[in-house]
Amino acid sequence: MADVVAFMDDLFFQAKILETAKQIGVDVHMCSAPDALDAEIAGALPKLVVVDLNARSSPLEAIARVRADGREIPLVAFLSHVQVDLAESARAAGCRDVMPRSKFTQNMATILARAKSES
């Protein structure tokens, strides 16, 4: 089981998250499709799910799937700071923690470390 599951398809940002996670000792699994996310969270729950709201493969559906069975998995989503409507849609889908990509990037180590501290 991974500490963190990240839903995104941006390869450069994936590398950035994986490098940060490696430095702080957090296990991160990447997925880029809602079905792959389902498989990642089917058994043992991750401590955190991170969603790139600009992913090409239905990030709002991914959030809805995480919330569908009622299990409380912490979710953090990020997007461009000008995408106000998308942020509201993510909140409506069940993600309370939505932030600009710049804030996520700045606080990435702290956000990922929360998953480690909950182990």
N, C-alpha and C. Protein backbone atom coordinates (compact mmCIF):
# COMPACT_ATOMS: atom_id res chain seq x y z
N MET A 1 0.83 -1.18 0.00
CA MET A 1 0.00 0.00 0.00
C MET A 1 0.88 1.25 0.00
N ALA A 2 0.50 2.18 -0.82
CA ALA A 2 1.22 3.46 -0.87
C ALA A 2 0.70 4.39 0.21
N ASP A 3 1.59 5.24 0.71
CA ASP A 3 1.16 6.29 1.63
C ASP A 3 0.28 7.30 0.90
N VAL A 4 0.68 7.62 -0.35
CA VAL A 4 0.01 8.63 -1.15
C VAL A 4 -0.26 8.07 -2.54
N VAL A 5 -1.44 8.35 -3.06
CA VAL A 5 -1.76 8.05 -4.46
C VAL A 5 -1.97 9.39 -5.14
N ALA A 6 -1.26 9.60 -6.24
CA ALA A 6 -1.36 10.86 -6.98
C ALA A 6 -2.01 10.60 -8.34
N PHE A 7 -3.08 11.33 -8.61
CA PHE A 7 -3.80 11.22 -9.87
C PHE A 7 -3.39 12.37 -10.76
N MET A 8 -2.53 12.08 -11.75
CA MET A 8 -2.05 13.13 -12.66
C MET A 8 -1.38 12.49 -13.86
N ASP A 9 -1.28 13.28 -14.94
CA ASP A 9 -0.64 12.77 -16.14
C ASP A 9 0.51 13.66 -16.61
N ASP A 10 0.85 14.67 -15.87
CA ASP A 10 1.97 15.56 -16.19
C ASP A 10 3.26 14.88 -15.72
N LEU A 11 4.03 14.38 -16.68
CA LEU A 11 5.23 13.60 -16.33
C LEU A 11 6.27 14.41 -15.57
N PHE A 12 6.42 15.68 -15.90
CA PHE A 12 7.39 16.51 -15.18
C PHE A 12 6.96 16.72 -13.74
N PHE A 13 5.67 16.95 -13.52
CA PHE A 13 5.20 17.15 -12.16
C PHE A 13 5.22 15.84 -11.38
N GLN A 14 4.95 14.73 -12.07
CA GLN A 14 5.08 13.43 -11.41
C GLN A 14 6.48 13.24 -10.87
N ALA A 15 7.47 13.57 -11.70
CA ALA A 15 8.87 13.42 -11.28
C ALA A 15 9.18 14.31 -10.08
N LYS A 16 8.64 15.50 -10.07
CA LYS A 16 8.86 16.43 -8.96
C LYS A 16 8.27 15.87 -7.66
N ILE A 17 7.07 15.33 -7.74
CA ILE A 17 6.43 14.75 -6.55
C ILE A 17 7.21 13.52 -6.09
N LEU A 18 7.58 12.66 -7.02
CA LEU A 18 8.31 11.44 -6.64
C LEU A 18 9.65 11.77 -5.99
N GLU A 19 10.34 12.77 -6.50
CA GLU A 19 11.63 13.16 -5.91
C GLU A 19 11.43 13.74 -4.51
N THR A 20 10.44 14.58 -4.34
CA THR A 20 10.16 15.14 -3.01
C THR A 20 9.78 14.03 -2.04
N ALA A 21 8.93 13.12 -2.48
CA ALA A 21 8.50 12.01 -1.64
C ALA A 21 9.69 11.13 -1.24
N LYS A 22 10.57 10.88 -2.16
CA LYS A 22 11.76 10.07 -1.87
C LYS A 22 12.62 10.73 -0.80
N GLN A 23 12.79 12.05 -0.90
CA GLN A 23 13.60 12.79 0.07
C GLN A 23 13.03 12.73 1.49
N ILE A 24 11.71 12.65 1.61
CA ILE A 24 11.10 12.64 2.95
C ILE A 24 10.62 11.25 3.38
N GLY A 25 10.84 10.25 2.53
CA GLY A 25 10.52 8.88 2.91
C GLY A 25 9.04 8.53 2.82
N VAL A 26 8.35 9.07 1.83
CA VAL A 26 6.93 8.78 1.63
C VAL A 26 6.79 7.98 0.34
N ASP A 27 6.02 6.91 0.39
CA ASP A 27 5.78 6.07 -0.78
C ASP A 27 4.60 6.64 -1.57
N VAL A 28 4.85 7.00 -2.84
CA VAL A 28 3.81 7.57 -3.70
C VAL A 28 3.62 6.67 -4.92
N HIS A 29 2.37 6.37 -5.23
CA HIS A 29 2.03 5.67 -6.46
C HIS A 29 1.29 6.63 -7.36
N MET A 30 1.63 6.63 -8.64
CA MET A 30 1.00 7.50 -9.63
C MET A 30 -0.05 6.74 -10.41
N CYS A 31 -1.11 7.43 -10.78
CA CYS A 31 -2.09 6.87 -11.70
C CYS A 31 -2.68 8.02 -12.52
N SER A 32 -3.15 7.70 -13.72
CA SER A 32 -3.64 8.76 -14.59
C SER A 32 -5.01 8.46 -15.18
N ALA A 33 -5.70 7.46 -14.65
CA ALA A 33 -7.05 7.14 -15.10
C ALA A 33 -7.90 6.77 -13.88
N PRO A 34 -9.18 7.10 -13.91
CA PRO A 34 -10.04 6.77 -12.77
C PRO A 34 -10.04 5.30 -12.40
N ASP A 35 -10.00 4.39 -13.39
CA ASP A 35 -9.97 2.96 -13.09
C ASP A 35 -8.70 2.57 -12.34
N ALA A 36 -7.57 3.18 -12.72
CA ALA A 36 -6.31 2.91 -12.02
C ALA A 36 -6.38 3.43 -10.59
N LEU A 37 -7.02 4.56 -10.40
CA LEU A 37 -7.20 5.09 -9.04
C LEU A 37 -8.04 4.14 -8.21
N ASP A 38 -9.13 3.63 -8.80
CA ASP A 38 -9.97 2.64 -8.09
C ASP A 38 -9.13 1.46 -7.62
N ALA A 39 -8.26 0.96 -8.48
CA ALA A 39 -7.42 -0.18 -8.14
C ALA A 39 -6.47 0.17 -7.00
N GLU A 40 -5.94 1.38 -7.00
CA GLU A 40 -4.99 1.80 -5.96
C GLU A 40 -5.65 1.90 -4.58
N ILE A 41 -6.91 2.29 -4.54
CA ILE A 41 -7.57 2.48 -3.24
C ILE A 41 -8.53 1.36 -2.88
N ALA A 42 -8.56 0.30 -3.68
CA ALA A 42 -9.53 -0.78 -3.47
C ALA A 42 -9.32 -1.52 -2.15
N GLY A 43 -8.11 -1.78 -1.79
CA GLY A 43 -7.85 -2.55 -0.58
C GLY A 43 -7.49 -1.64 0.57
N ALA A 44 -6.22 -1.66 0.91
CA ALA A 44 -5.74 -0.80 1.99
C ALA A 44 -5.74 0.65 1.51
N LEU A 45 -6.26 1.51 2.33
CA LEU A 45 -6.41 2.90 1.94
C LEU A 45 -5.10 3.67 2.05
N PRO A 46 -4.84 4.53 1.07
CA PRO A 46 -3.70 5.43 1.22
C PRO A 46 -4.01 6.48 2.28
N LYS A 47 -3.00 7.11 2.78
CA LYS A 47 -3.19 8.17 3.79
C LYS A 47 -3.61 9.48 3.14
N LEU A 48 -3.37 9.60 1.81
CA LEU A 48 -3.66 10.83 1.09
C LEU A 48 -3.80 10.54 -0.39
N VAL A 49 -4.76 11.22 -1.03
CA VAL A 49 -4.88 11.21 -2.49
C VAL A 49 -4.68 12.63 -2.97
N VAL A 50 -3.78 12.80 -3.93
CA VAL A 50 -3.50 14.10 -4.53
C VAL A 50 -4.03 14.07 -5.96
N VAL A 51 -4.79 15.10 -6.34
CA VAL A 51 -5.40 15.15 -7.67
C VAL A 51 -5.00 16.43 -8.38
N ASP A 52 -4.46 16.26 -9.58
CA ASP A 52 -4.20 17.39 -10.47
C ASP A 52 -5.48 17.65 -11.24
N LEU A 53 -6.15 18.76 -10.96
CA LEU A 53 -7.42 19.05 -11.61
C LEU A 53 -7.27 19.39 -13.09
N ASN A 54 -6.05 19.51 -13.56
CA ASN A 54 -5.81 19.73 -14.98
C ASN A 54 -5.42 18.45 -15.71
N ALA A 55 -5.53 17.32 -15.05
CA ALA A 55 -5.28 16.04 -15.71
C ALA A 55 -6.30 15.86 -16.83
N ARG A 56 -5.89 15.21 -17.90
CA ARG A 56 -6.77 15.04 -19.06
C ARG A 56 -7.83 13.98 -18.86
N SER A 57 -7.66 13.10 -17.90
CA SER A 57 -8.56 11.95 -17.78
C SER A 57 -9.48 12.05 -16.56
N SER A 58 -10.39 12.98 -16.59
CA SER A 58 -11.52 13.07 -15.66
C SER A 58 -11.14 13.20 -14.18
N PRO A 59 -10.45 14.26 -13.80
CA PRO A 59 -10.09 14.40 -12.39
C PRO A 59 -11.31 14.58 -11.46
N LEU A 60 -12.37 15.20 -11.93
CA LEU A 60 -13.57 15.34 -11.09
C LEU A 60 -14.22 13.98 -10.87
N GLU A 61 -14.20 13.14 -11.88
CA GLU A 61 -14.71 11.77 -11.73
C GLU A 61 -13.84 11.00 -10.73
N ALA A 62 -12.55 11.22 -10.77
CA ALA A 62 -11.65 10.55 -9.83
C ALA A 62 -12.00 10.94 -8.39
N ILE A 63 -12.24 12.22 -8.16
CA ILE A 63 -12.62 12.68 -6.81
C ILE A 63 -13.93 12.03 -6.40
N ALA A 64 -14.90 12.02 -7.30
CA ALA A 64 -16.20 11.42 -6.99
C ALA A 64 -16.06 9.93 -6.66
N ARG A 65 -15.18 9.24 -7.35
CA ARG A 65 -14.97 7.81 -7.08
C ARG A 65 -14.34 7.58 -5.71
N VAL A 66 -13.42 8.45 -5.32
CA VAL A 66 -12.80 8.33 -4.00
C VAL A 66 -13.87 8.50 -2.92
N ARG A 67 -14.78 9.43 -3.15
CA ARG A 67 -15.83 9.72 -2.17
C ARG A 67 -17.03 8.78 -2.24
N ALA A 68 -17.16 8.02 -3.33
CA ALA A 68 -18.37 7.24 -3.60
C ALA A 68 -18.70 6.22 -2.52
N ASP A 69 -17.73 5.55 -1.97
CA ASP A 69 -18.04 4.49 -1.02
C ASP A 69 -18.07 4.97 0.43
N GLY A 70 -17.90 6.25 0.64
CA GLY A 70 -18.03 6.81 1.97
C GLY A 70 -16.80 6.73 2.85
N ARG A 71 -15.73 6.10 2.36
CA ARG A 71 -14.51 6.04 3.17
C ARG A 71 -13.85 7.41 3.18
N GLU A 72 -13.38 7.82 4.31
CA GLU A 72 -12.75 9.14 4.45
C GLU A 72 -11.26 9.07 4.16
N ILE A 73 -10.91 9.34 2.93
CA ILE A 73 -9.51 9.43 2.53
C ILE A 73 -9.22 10.91 2.32
N PRO A 74 -8.23 11.46 2.97
CA PRO A 74 -7.91 12.87 2.73
C PRO A 74 -7.55 13.11 1.26
N LEU A 75 -8.11 14.16 0.71
CA LEU A 75 -7.88 14.55 -0.68
C LEU A 75 -7.31 15.95 -0.74
N VAL A 76 -6.31 16.15 -1.58
CA VAL A 76 -5.78 17.47 -1.88
C VAL A 76 -5.78 17.60 -3.40
N ALA A 77 -6.37 18.68 -3.89
CA ALA A 77 -6.38 18.92 -5.33
C ALA A 77 -5.74 20.26 -5.62
N PHE A 78 -5.12 20.35 -6.80
CA PHE A 78 -4.50 21.62 -7.18
C PHE A 78 -4.81 21.93 -8.64
N LEU A 79 -4.71 23.21 -8.97
CA LEU A 79 -5.05 23.71 -10.29
C LEU A 79 -4.47 25.10 -10.48
N SER A 80 -4.66 25.67 -11.65
CA SER A 80 -4.24 27.04 -11.89
C SER A 80 -5.09 27.97 -11.02
N HIS A 81 -4.50 29.01 -10.48
CA HIS A 81 -5.21 29.91 -9.57
C HIS A 81 -6.37 30.64 -10.23
N VAL A 82 -6.42 30.70 -11.54
CA VAL A 82 -7.51 31.41 -12.22
C VAL A 82 -8.72 30.52 -12.51
N GLN A 83 -8.65 29.26 -12.20
CA GLN A 83 -9.72 28.31 -12.51
C GLN A 83 -10.72 28.20 -11.35
N VAL A 84 -11.38 29.29 -11.07
CA VAL A 84 -12.30 29.37 -9.94
C VAL A 84 -13.46 28.39 -10.08
N ASP A 85 -14.04 28.30 -11.26
CA ASP A 85 -15.17 27.39 -11.47
C ASP A 85 -14.77 25.93 -11.27
N LEU A 86 -13.59 25.57 -11.75
CA LEU A 86 -13.10 24.21 -11.58
C LEU A 86 -12.85 23.90 -10.10
N ALA A 87 -12.34 24.87 -9.37
CA ALA A 87 -12.13 24.69 -7.93
C ALA A 87 -13.46 24.42 -7.24
N GLU A 88 -14.50 25.16 -7.60
CA GLU A 88 -15.82 24.95 -7.00
C GLU A 88 -16.38 23.58 -7.37
N SER A 89 -16.15 23.15 -8.60
CA SER A 89 -16.61 21.82 -9.02
C SER A 89 -15.90 20.73 -8.23
N ALA A 90 -14.62 20.91 -7.96
CA ALA A 90 -13.87 19.93 -7.16
C ALA A 90 -14.42 19.87 -5.74
N ARG A 91 -14.71 21.02 -5.18
CA ARG A 91 -15.30 21.04 -3.83
C ARG A 91 -16.67 20.35 -3.82
N ALA A 92 -17.46 20.61 -4.84
CA ALA A 92 -18.78 19.98 -4.95
C ALA A 92 -18.66 18.46 -5.10
N ALA A 93 -17.59 18.00 -5.73
CA ALA A 93 -17.36 16.56 -5.89
C ALA A 93 -16.86 15.90 -4.61
N GLY A 94 -16.46 16.70 -3.61
CA GLY A 94 -16.05 16.14 -2.33
C GLY A 94 -14.64 16.43 -1.88
N CYS A 95 -13.94 17.31 -2.58
CA CYS A 95 -12.57 17.66 -2.18
C CYS A 95 -12.59 19.00 -1.46
N ARG A 96 -12.35 18.97 -0.16
CA ARG A 96 -12.37 20.20 0.63
C ARG A 96 -11.09 21.01 0.50
N ASP A 97 -9.99 20.36 0.20
CA ASP A 97 -8.69 21.04 0.16
C ASP A 97 -8.24 21.24 -1.29
N VAL A 98 -8.63 22.37 -1.86
CA VAL A 98 -8.29 22.72 -3.24
C VAL A 98 -7.40 23.96 -3.19
N MET A 99 -6.28 23.90 -3.91
CA MET A 99 -5.33 25.02 -3.84
C MET A 99 -4.68 25.27 -5.19
N PRO A 100 -4.14 26.47 -5.38
CA PRO A 100 -3.39 26.74 -6.60
C PRO A 100 -2.15 25.85 -6.68
N ARG A 101 -1.75 25.52 -7.90
CA ARG A 101 -0.57 24.68 -8.11
C ARG A 101 0.66 25.28 -7.43
N SER A 102 0.78 26.61 -7.46
CA SER A 102 1.94 27.25 -6.85
C SER A 102 1.99 27.01 -5.34
N LYS A 103 0.84 27.05 -4.69
CA LYS A 103 0.79 26.79 -3.24
C LYS A 103 1.10 25.32 -2.96
N PHE A 104 0.55 24.43 -3.78
CA PHE A 104 0.84 23.01 -3.61
C PHE A 104 2.33 22.75 -3.76
N THR A 105 2.93 23.33 -4.80
CA THR A 105 4.36 23.15 -5.05
C THR A 105 5.19 23.68 -3.88
N GLN A 106 4.84 24.84 -3.40
CA GLN A 106 5.57 25.46 -2.29
C GLN A 106 5.49 24.62 -1.03
N ASN A 107 4.36 23.97 -0.80
CA ASN A 107 4.12 23.22 0.44
C ASN A 107 4.12 21.70 0.21
N MET A 108 4.63 21.25 -0.92
CA MET A 108 4.55 19.84 -1.29
C MET A 108 5.13 18.92 -0.22
N ALA A 109 6.31 19.22 0.27
CA ALA A 109 6.95 18.34 1.27
C ALA A 109 6.10 18.24 2.53
N THR A 110 5.55 19.34 2.98
CA THR A 110 4.71 19.34 4.18
C THR A 110 3.43 18.55 3.94
N ILE A 111 2.81 18.75 2.77
CA ILE A 111 1.57 18.04 2.44
C ILE A 111 1.83 16.54 2.38
N LEU A 112 2.88 16.12 1.70
CA LEU A 112 3.19 14.70 1.59
C LEU A 112 3.59 14.11 2.94
N ALA A 113 4.29 14.89 3.75
CA ALA A 113 4.74 14.41 5.06
C ALA A 113 3.57 14.11 5.99
N ARG A 114 2.43 14.77 5.77
CA ARG A 114 1.24 14.48 6.59
C ARG A 114 0.86 13.01 6.46
N ALA A 115 1.02 12.44 5.26
CA ALA A 115 0.71 11.04 5.06
C ALA A 115 1.65 10.14 5.83
N LYS A 116 2.90 10.56 5.90
CA LYS A 116 3.89 9.78 6.65
C LYS A 116 3.60 9.83 8.14
N SER A 117 3.23 10.99 8.64
CA SER A 117 2.98 11.14 10.07
C SER A 117 1.73 10.40 10.52
N GLU A 118 0.83 10.08 9.58
CA GLU A 118 -0.39 9.34 9.94
C GLU A 118 -0.20 7.84 9.86
N SER A 119 1.00 7.39 9.52
CA SER A 119 1.26 5.95 9.39
C SER A 119 1.21 5.26 10.73
